[in-house]
């Protein structure tokens, strides 16, 4: 990417995580960031808009409009979440923030 080259030209530490859903890769990038002294770090995460949505992943529809009731059910199914839950905070989310 052009912007990565720009920041490398500024002598930043530029890291790329190829899968924004891989927590191990993210943890490794953060460890490198923390160990880097004397210059800023830019971490680039490659992600898929609408990840988990079987029919709208990587489409403009996942960005510009609601998924719709059926697609929401299918997405919840893909995540292993209760399909009828109206508001769900999965186990581990709150403890991960503490």
C-alpha atoms as a PDB file:
ATOM      1  CA  UNK A   1       0.000   0.000   0.000  1.00  0.00           C
ATOM      2  CA  UNK A   2       1.144   3.466  -0.825  1.00  0.00           C
ATOM      3  CA  UNK A   3       0.494   4.870   2.658  1.00  0.00           C
ATOM      4  CA  UNK A   4       2.650   2.152   4.273  1.00  0.00           C
ATOM      5  CA  UNK A   5       5.579   3.158   2.072  1.00  0.00           C
ATOM      6  CA  UNK A   6       5.037   6.795   3.012  1.00  0.00           C
ATOM      7  CA  UNK A   7       5.292   6.050   6.733  1.00  0.00           C
ATOM      8  CA  UNK A   8       8.286   3.779   6.186  1.00  0.00           C
ATOM      9  CA  UNK A   9       9.875   6.752   4.408  1.00  0.00           C
ATOM     10  CA  UNK A  10       9.255   8.779   7.558  1.00  0.00           C
ATOM     11  CA  UNK A  11      11.187   6.052   9.464  1.00  0.00           C
ATOM     12  CA  UNK A  12       8.135   4.804  11.311  1.00  0.00           C
ATOM     13  CA  UNK A  13       7.920   1.191  12.394  1.00  0.00           C
ATOM     14  CA  UNK A  14       5.237  -0.155  10.028  1.00  0.00           C
ATOM     15  CA  UNK A  15       3.620  -3.495  10.884  1.00  0.00           C
ATOM     16  CA  UNK A  16       0.956  -5.335   8.942  1.00  0.00           C
ATOM     17  CA  UNK A  17      -1.484  -7.839  10.430  1.00  0.00           C
ATOM     18  CA  UNK A  18      -2.907  -9.837   7.547  1.00  0.00           C
ATOM     19  CA  UNK A  19      -6.028 -10.981   9.402  1.00  0.00           C
ATOM     20  CA  UNK A  20      -7.783  -8.634  11.829  1.00  0.00           C
ATOM     21  CA  UNK A  21      -9.559 -11.658  13.320  1.00  0.00           C
ATOM     22  CA  UNK A  22      -6.333 -13.414  14.335  1.00  0.00           C
ATOM     23  CA  UNK A  23      -5.791 -12.363  17.944  1.00  0.00           C
ATOM     24  CA  UNK A  24      -2.377 -14.021  18.036  1.00  0.00           C
ATOM     25  CA  UNK A  25      -1.129 -11.913  15.119  1.00  0.00           C
ATOM     26  CA  UNK A  26      -2.524  -8.784  16.756  1.00  0.00           C
ATOM     27  CA  UNK A  27      -0.836  -9.663  20.056  1.00  0.00           C
ATOM     28  CA  UNK A  28       2.481 -10.165  18.234  1.00  0.00           C
ATOM     29  CA  UNK A  29       2.172  -6.785  16.503  1.00  0.00           C
ATOM     30  CA  UNK A  30       1.425  -5.102  19.828  1.00  0.00           C
ATOM     31  CA  UNK A  31       4.449  -6.782  21.411  1.00  0.00           C
ATOM     32  CA  UNK A  32       6.682  -5.459  18.613  1.00  0.00           C
ATOM     33  CA  UNK A  33       5.106  -2.013  19.031  1.00  0.00           C
ATOM     34  CA  UNK A  34       5.813  -2.030  22.779  1.00  0.00           C
ATOM     35  CA  UNK A  35       9.413  -3.142  22.208  1.00  0.00           C
ATOM     36  CA  UNK A  36      10.092  -0.456  19.586  1.00  0.00           C
ATOM     37  CA  UNK A  37      11.822   2.578  21.036  1.00  0.00           C
ATOM     38  CA  UNK A  38      12.564   5.930  19.482  1.00  0.00           C
ATOM     39  CA  UNK A  39      10.028   5.979  16.669  1.00  0.00           C
ATOM     40  CA  UNK A  40       6.273   5.704  16.245  1.00  0.00           C
ATOM     41  CA  UNK A  41       4.551   2.561  15.050  1.00  0.00           C
ATOM     42  CA  UNK A  42       1.757   2.185  12.502  1.00  0.00           C
ATOM     43  CA  UNK A  43      -0.132  -1.123  12.626  1.00  0.00           C
ATOM     44  CA  UNK A  44      -2.144  -1.916   9.500  1.00  0.00           C
ATOM     45  CA  UNK A  45      -4.935  -4.464   9.999  1.00  0.00           C
ATOM     46  CA  UNK A  46      -6.431  -6.203   6.970  1.00  0.00           C
ATOM     47  CA  UNK A  47     -10.090  -6.896   7.621  1.00  0.00           C
ATOM     48  CA  UNK A  48     -13.278  -7.863   5.801  1.00  0.00           C
ATOM     49  CA  UNK A  49     -16.292  -5.610   6.100  1.00  0.00           C
ATOM     50  CA  UNK A  50     -19.311  -7.622   7.160  1.00  0.00           C
ATOM     51  CA  UNK A  51     -17.126 -10.482   8.430  1.00  0.00           C
ATOM     52  CA  UNK A  52     -19.361 -13.405   9.396  1.00  0.00           C
ATOM     53  CA  UNK A  53     -22.234 -12.349   7.158  1.00  0.00           C
ATOM     54  CA  UNK A  54     -22.567 -15.161   4.613  1.00  0.00           C
ATOM     55  CA  UNK A  55     -24.063 -13.082   1.791  1.00  0.00           C
ATOM     56  CA  UNK A  56     -22.736  -9.575   2.396  1.00  0.00           C
ATOM     57  CA  UNK A  57     -19.115  -9.979   3.501  1.00  0.00           C
ATOM     58  CA  UNK A  58     -16.799  -7.732   1.460  1.00  0.00           C
ATOM     59  CA  UNK A  59     -19.686  -5.944  -0.244  1.00  0.00           C
ATOM     60  CA  UNK A  60     -20.798  -2.341  -0.185  1.00  0.00           C
ATOM     61  CA  UNK A  61     -24.110  -3.618   1.193  1.00  0.00           C
ATOM     62  CA  UNK A  62     -22.348  -4.587   4.429  1.00  0.00           C
ATOM     63  CA  UNK A  63     -21.168  -1.013   4.760  1.00  0.00           C
ATOM     64  CA  UNK A  64     -24.044   1.106   3.531  1.00  0.00           C
ATOM     65  CA  UNK A  65     -27.229  -0.600   4.655  1.00  0.00           C
ATOM     66  CA  UNK A  66     -28.599  -2.787   7.462  1.00  0.00           C
ATOM     67  CA  UNK A  67     -27.965  -6.497   7.089  1.00  0.00           C
ATOM     68  CA  UNK A  68     -31.650  -7.335   7.403  1.00  0.00           C
ATOM     69  CA  UNK A  69     -33.325  -9.756   9.777  1.00  0.00           C
ATOM     70  CA  UNK A  70     -32.497 -12.965   7.876  1.00  0.00           C
ATOM     71  CA  UNK A  71     -28.852 -12.031   7.291  1.00  0.00           C
ATOM     72  CA  UNK A  72     -28.491 -11.089  10.971  1.00  0.00           C
ATOM     73  CA  UNK A  73     -29.772 -14.555  11.938  1.00  0.00           C
ATOM     74  CA  UNK A  74     -27.324 -16.200   9.545  1.00  0.00           C
ATOM     75  CA  UNK A  75     -24.455 -14.093  10.864  1.00  0.00           C
ATOM     76  CA  UNK A  76     -25.319 -14.975  14.459  1.00  0.00           C
ATOM     77  CA  UNK A  77     -25.422 -18.631  13.421  1.00  0.00           C
ATOM     78  CA  UNK A  78     -21.936 -18.268  11.869  1.00  0.00           C
ATOM     79  CA  UNK A  79     -20.648 -16.919  15.190  1.00  0.00           C
ATOM     80  CA  UNK A  80     -22.436 -19.603  17.209  1.00  0.00           C
ATOM     81  CA  UNK A  81     -24.602 -17.015  18.951  1.00  0.00           C
ATOM     82  CA  UNK A  82     -28.308 -17.397  19.798  1.00  0.00           C
ATOM     83  CA  UNK A  83     -30.151 -16.356  16.635  1.00  0.00           C
ATOM     84  CA  UNK A  84     -33.079 -14.833  18.515  1.00  0.00           C
ATOM     85  CA  UNK A  85     -31.010 -12.650  20.895  1.00  0.00           C
ATOM     86  CA  UNK A  86     -31.849  -8.982  20.424  1.00  0.00           C
ATOM     87  CA  UNK A  87     -28.837  -7.600  22.281  1.00  0.00           C
ATOM     88  CA  UNK A  88     -25.926  -9.856  23.066  1.00  0.00           C
ATOM     89  CA  UNK A  89     -22.589  -9.262  24.728  1.00  0.00           C
ATOM     90  CA  UNK A  90     -20.698 -12.557  24.249  1.00  0.00           C
ATOM     91  CA  UNK A  91     -18.930 -14.144  27.204  1.00  0.00           C
ATOM     92  CA  UNK A  92     -15.445 -12.780  27.655  1.00  0.00           C
ATOM     93  CA  UNK A  93     -16.035  -9.344  26.113  1.00  0.00           C
ATOM     94  CA  UNK A  94     -16.344  -7.459  29.380  1.00  0.00           C
ATOM     95  CA  UNK A  95     -13.482  -9.326  31.061  1.00  0.00           C
ATOM     96  CA  UNK A  96     -11.267  -8.679  28.026  1.00  0.00           C
ATOM     97  CA  UNK A  97     -11.651  -4.946  28.626  1.00  0.00           C
ATOM     98  CA  UNK A  98     -10.622  -5.109  32.280  1.00  0.00           C
END
